Amino acid sequence: MAKPNKVVFMPNVDPQYTSDSIVIGEEASKEEMNVYNQSPTAYISVKKEEHTMDDSTKVLLNRLDQDMRDHKQEIRDRDASILTDAKERENRYREELKAQDERWRQETKEREERILRAIEQGNESTEKRLAAIESEVSASVKHSQTMVTTNIVAAIATFIGVAALVITTIVALVQLIPK
């Protein structure tokens, strides 16, 4: 790409919106070209006596200037709108997280309460069962003790009965023996 011969100085124009190859009129001086070569985005002023602008060019440059300012303002407005929208979304997200956290805490609390109630009901049920088992065991122990007592009494009665039979047999045998 060829270097421009002349570059017009435009003080209110942002370098990103300009072309590096604006060629105007006759060749630029070596000094102007050296400045341009050192910084291609720099603007080199055309000599004042050579620079005469008619009204239509001024109007055109003013319109370009205004368009660039409008464009910059639109970008600022758009960026502000995007930032505001992002902040609103972030706030909504935070609120949703807080609400979700609160729901989880509430659900956890309710779950713990249900578990504690179930444990308490289980304890009550277990206590009732233990009481029933205890009364059954107590009844069984009483029955066993009664059976033991009955067996002891029966054993004693049997022993006495056998002893009475032995004594009776001995007495009968003694009477059968002649004297």
Protein backbone atom coordinates (compact mmCIF):
# COMPACT_ATOMS: atom_id res chain seq x y z
CA MET A 1 0.00 0.00 0.00
CA ALA A 2 1.41 3.34 -1.00
CA LYS A 3 2.08 6.01 1.60
CA PRO A 4 -0.12 9.09 1.23
CA ASN A 5 1.31 12.18 -0.30
CA LYS A 6 -0.57 14.56 1.98
CA VAL A 7 -2.45 13.87 5.19
CA VAL A 8 -5.01 16.40 6.35
CA PHE A 9 -4.97 17.52 9.99
CA MET A 10 -8.41 16.94 11.54
CA PRO A 11 -8.27 17.86 15.26
CA ASN A 12 -11.68 16.43 16.34
CA VAL A 13 -11.39 13.12 14.52
CA ASP A 14 -10.55 9.92 16.38
CA PRO A 15 -7.63 8.11 14.62
CA GLN A 16 -9.50 4.80 14.57
CA TYR A 17 -12.08 6.28 12.18
CA THR A 18 -9.56 7.54 9.63
CA SER A 19 -7.79 5.91 6.74
CA ASP A 20 -4.02 5.64 6.59
CA SER A 21 -4.00 6.46 2.92
CA ILE A 22 -5.62 9.87 2.51
CA VAL A 23 -3.96 11.40 -0.53
CA ILE A 24 -4.55 15.08 -1.15
CA GLY A 25 -2.96 17.34 -3.67
CA GLU A 26 0.75 17.46 -4.36
CA GLU A 27 3.53 15.51 -2.66
CA ALA A 28 4.22 15.99 1.04
CA SER A 29 7.52 17.40 2.17
CA LYS A 30 10.17 15.03 3.50
CA GLU A 31 9.65 16.43 7.00
CA GLU A 32 5.91 15.70 6.87
CA MET A 33 6.53 12.18 5.55
CA ASN A 34 9.08 11.50 8.34
CA VAL A 35 6.50 12.50 10.96
CA TYR A 36 3.90 10.33 9.21
CA ASN A 37 6.27 7.34 8.99
CA GLN A 38 7.06 7.56 12.71
CA SER A 39 3.38 7.49 13.66
CA PRO A 40 0.97 6.54 10.87
CA THR A 41 -2.00 7.58 12.98
CA ALA A 42 -0.61 11.07 13.49
CA TYR A 43 -2.03 13.84 11.41
CA ILE A 44 0.23 16.14 9.48
CA SER A 45 -1.01 19.61 8.92
CA VAL A 46 -1.11 20.86 5.36
CA LYS A 47 0.58 24.25 5.02
CA LYS A 48 -1.85 27.05 5.86
CA GLU A 49 -1.44 28.83 2.55
CA GLU A 50 -2.24 25.64 0.64
CA HIS A 51 -5.19 24.77 2.87
CA THR A 52 -8.38 26.45 1.81
CA MET A 53 -11.68 24.75 2.54
CA ASP A 54 -14.93 25.69 0.96
CA ASP A 55 -18.16 25.77 2.97
CA SER A 56 -19.44 22.40 1.74
CA THR A 57 -16.26 20.68 2.95
CA LYS A 58 -16.59 22.41 6.32
CA VAL A 59 -20.22 21.32 6.57
CA LEU A 60 -19.23 17.78 5.59
CA LEU A 61 -16.46 17.69 8.19
CA ASN A 62 -18.82 19.14 10.82
CA ARG A 63 -21.38 16.44 9.98
CA LEU A 64 -18.70 13.77 10.25
CA ASP A 65 -17.65 15.26 13.57
CA GLN A 66 -21.26 15.26 14.82
CA ASP A 67 -21.82 11.71 13.53
CA MET A 68 -18.74 10.52 15.42
CA ARG A 69 -19.87 12.26 18.60
CA ASP A 70 -23.35 10.75 18.18
CA HIS A 71 -21.84 7.33 17.56
CA LYS A 72 -19.66 7.62 20.67
CA GLN A 73 -22.70 8.69 22.71
CA GLU A 74 -24.70 5.75 21.35
CA ILE A 75 -21.86 3.42 22.35
CA ARG A 76 -21.75 4.99 25.83
CA ASP A 77 -25.53 4.67 26.14
CA ARG A 78 -25.45 1.08 24.91
CA ASP A 79 -22.62 0.22 27.31
CA ALA A 80 -24.51 1.85 30.18
CA SER A 81 -27.64 -0.09 29.22
CA ILE A 82 -25.70 -3.35 29.04
CA LEU A 83 -24.06 -2.62 32.40
CA THR A 84 -27.43 -1.78 33.98
CA ASP A 85 -28.95 -4.94 32.50
CA ALA A 86 -26.03 -7.03 33.77
CA LYS A 87 -26.36 -5.53 37.25
CA GLU A 88 -30.11 -6.23 37.26
CA ARG A 89 -29.50 -9.84 36.19
CA GLU A 90 -26.81 -10.22 38.84
CA ASN A 91 -29.16 -8.83 41.50
CA ARG A 92 -31.96 -11.16 40.36
CA TYR A 93 -29.53 -14.08 40.42
CA ARG A 94 -28.40 -13.18 43.95
CA GLU A 95 -32.01 -12.84 45.11
CA GLU A 96 -32.86 -16.21 43.56
CA LEU A 97 -29.86 -17.78 45.29
CA LYS A 98 -30.90 -16.23 48.61
CA ALA A 99 -34.48 -17.46 48.15
CA GLN A 100 -33.26 -20.92 47.16
CA ASP A 101 -30.92 -21.02 50.15
CA GLU A 102 -33.79 -19.99 52.44
CA ARG A 103 -36.03 -22.71 50.91
CA TRP A 104 -33.29 -25.30 51.41
CA ARG A 105 -32.80 -24.24 55.00
CA GLN A 106 -36.56 -24.37 55.63
CA GLU A 107 -36.82 -27.80 53.99
CA THR A 108 -33.85 -29.05 56.02
CA LYS A 109 -35.42 -27.74 59.22
CA GLU A 110 -38.75 -29.40 58.39
CA ARG A 111 -36.97 -32.65 57.51
CA GLU A 112 -35.09 -32.58 60.83
CA GLU A 113 -38.35 -31.95 62.69
CA ARG A 114 -40.02 -34.89 60.90
CA ILE A 115 -37.06 -37.13 61.73
CA LEU A 116 -37.13 -36.05 65.39
CA ARG A 117 -40.90 -36.69 65.56
CA ALA A 118 -40.40 -40.11 63.98
CA ILE A 119 -37.65 -40.88 66.49
CA GLU A 120 -39.84 -39.72 69.39
CA GLN A 121 -42.76 -41.80 68.09
CA GLY A 122 -40.39 -44.72 67.67
CA ASN A 123 -39.20 -44.21 71.24
CA GLU A 124 -42.76 -44.13 72.53
CA SER A 125 -43.62 -47.22 70.52
CA THR A 126 -40.46 -48.94 71.73
CA GLU A 127 -41.24 -48.01 75.33
CA LYS A 128 -44.76 -49.45 74.95
CA ARG A 129 -43.35 -52.63 73.45
CA LEU A 130 -40.74 -52.87 76.20
CA ALA A 131 -43.47 -52.44 78.83
CA ALA A 132 -45.55 -55.17 77.16
CA ILE A 133 -42.52 -57.46 76.94
CA GLU A 134 -41.65 -56.69 80.55
CA SER A 135 -45.16 -57.60 81.71
CA GLU A 136 -45.02 -60.81 79.64
CA VAL A 137 -41.62 -61.68 81.09
CA SER A 138 -42.92 -60.92 84.58
CA ALA A 139 -45.93 -63.18 83.99
CA SER A 140 -43.65 -65.88 82.62
CA VAL A 141 -41.35 -65.57 85.63
CA LYS A 142 -44.32 -65.84 88.01
CA HIS A 143 -45.58 -68.86 86.11
CA SER A 144 -42.11 -70.40 86.16
CA GLN A 145 -41.81 -69.76 89.88
CA THR A 146 -45.22 -71.32 90.43
CA MET A 147 -44.16 -74.32 88.35
CA VAL A 148 -40.92 -74.63 90.35
CA THR A 149 -42.83 -74.45 93.61
CA THR A 150 -45.35 -77.02 92.34
CA ASN A 151 -42.54 -79.31 91.24
CA ILE A 152 -40.80 -79.02 94.60
CA VAL A 153 -44.05 -79.75 96.42
CA ALA A 154 -44.76 -82.65 94.06
CA ALA A 155 -41.24 -84.00 94.60
CA ILE A 156 -41.65 -83.78 98.36
CA ALA A 157 -45.08 -85.38 98.13
CA THR A 158 -43.68 -88.11 95.93
CA PHE A 159 -40.83 -88.68 98.37
CA ILE A 160 -43.25 -88.82 101.28
CA GLY A 161 -45.51 -91.18 99.30
CA VAL A 162 -42.62 -93.47 98.40
CA ALA A 163 -41.40 -93.35 102.02
CA ALA A 164 -44.90 -94.23 103.23
CA LEU A 165 -45.03 -97.17 100.82
CA VAL A 166 -41.62 -98.37 101.98
CA ILE A 167 -42.65 -98.07 105.62
CA THR A 168 -45.95 -99.79 104.94
CA THR A 169 -44.17 -102.59 103.12
CA ILE A 170 -41.68 -102.98 105.93
CA VAL A 171 -44.45 -103.02 108.55
CA ALA A 172 -46.40 -105.59 106.52
CA LEU A 173 -43.34 -107.76 106.15
CA VAL A 174 -42.57 -107.52 109.83
CA GLN A 175 -46.08 -108.70 110.69
CA LEU A 176 -45.81 -111.57 108.28
CA ILE A 177 -42.72 -112.90 109.95
CA PRO A 178 -43.64 -115.38 112.74
CA LYS A 179 -42.57 -114.64 116.07
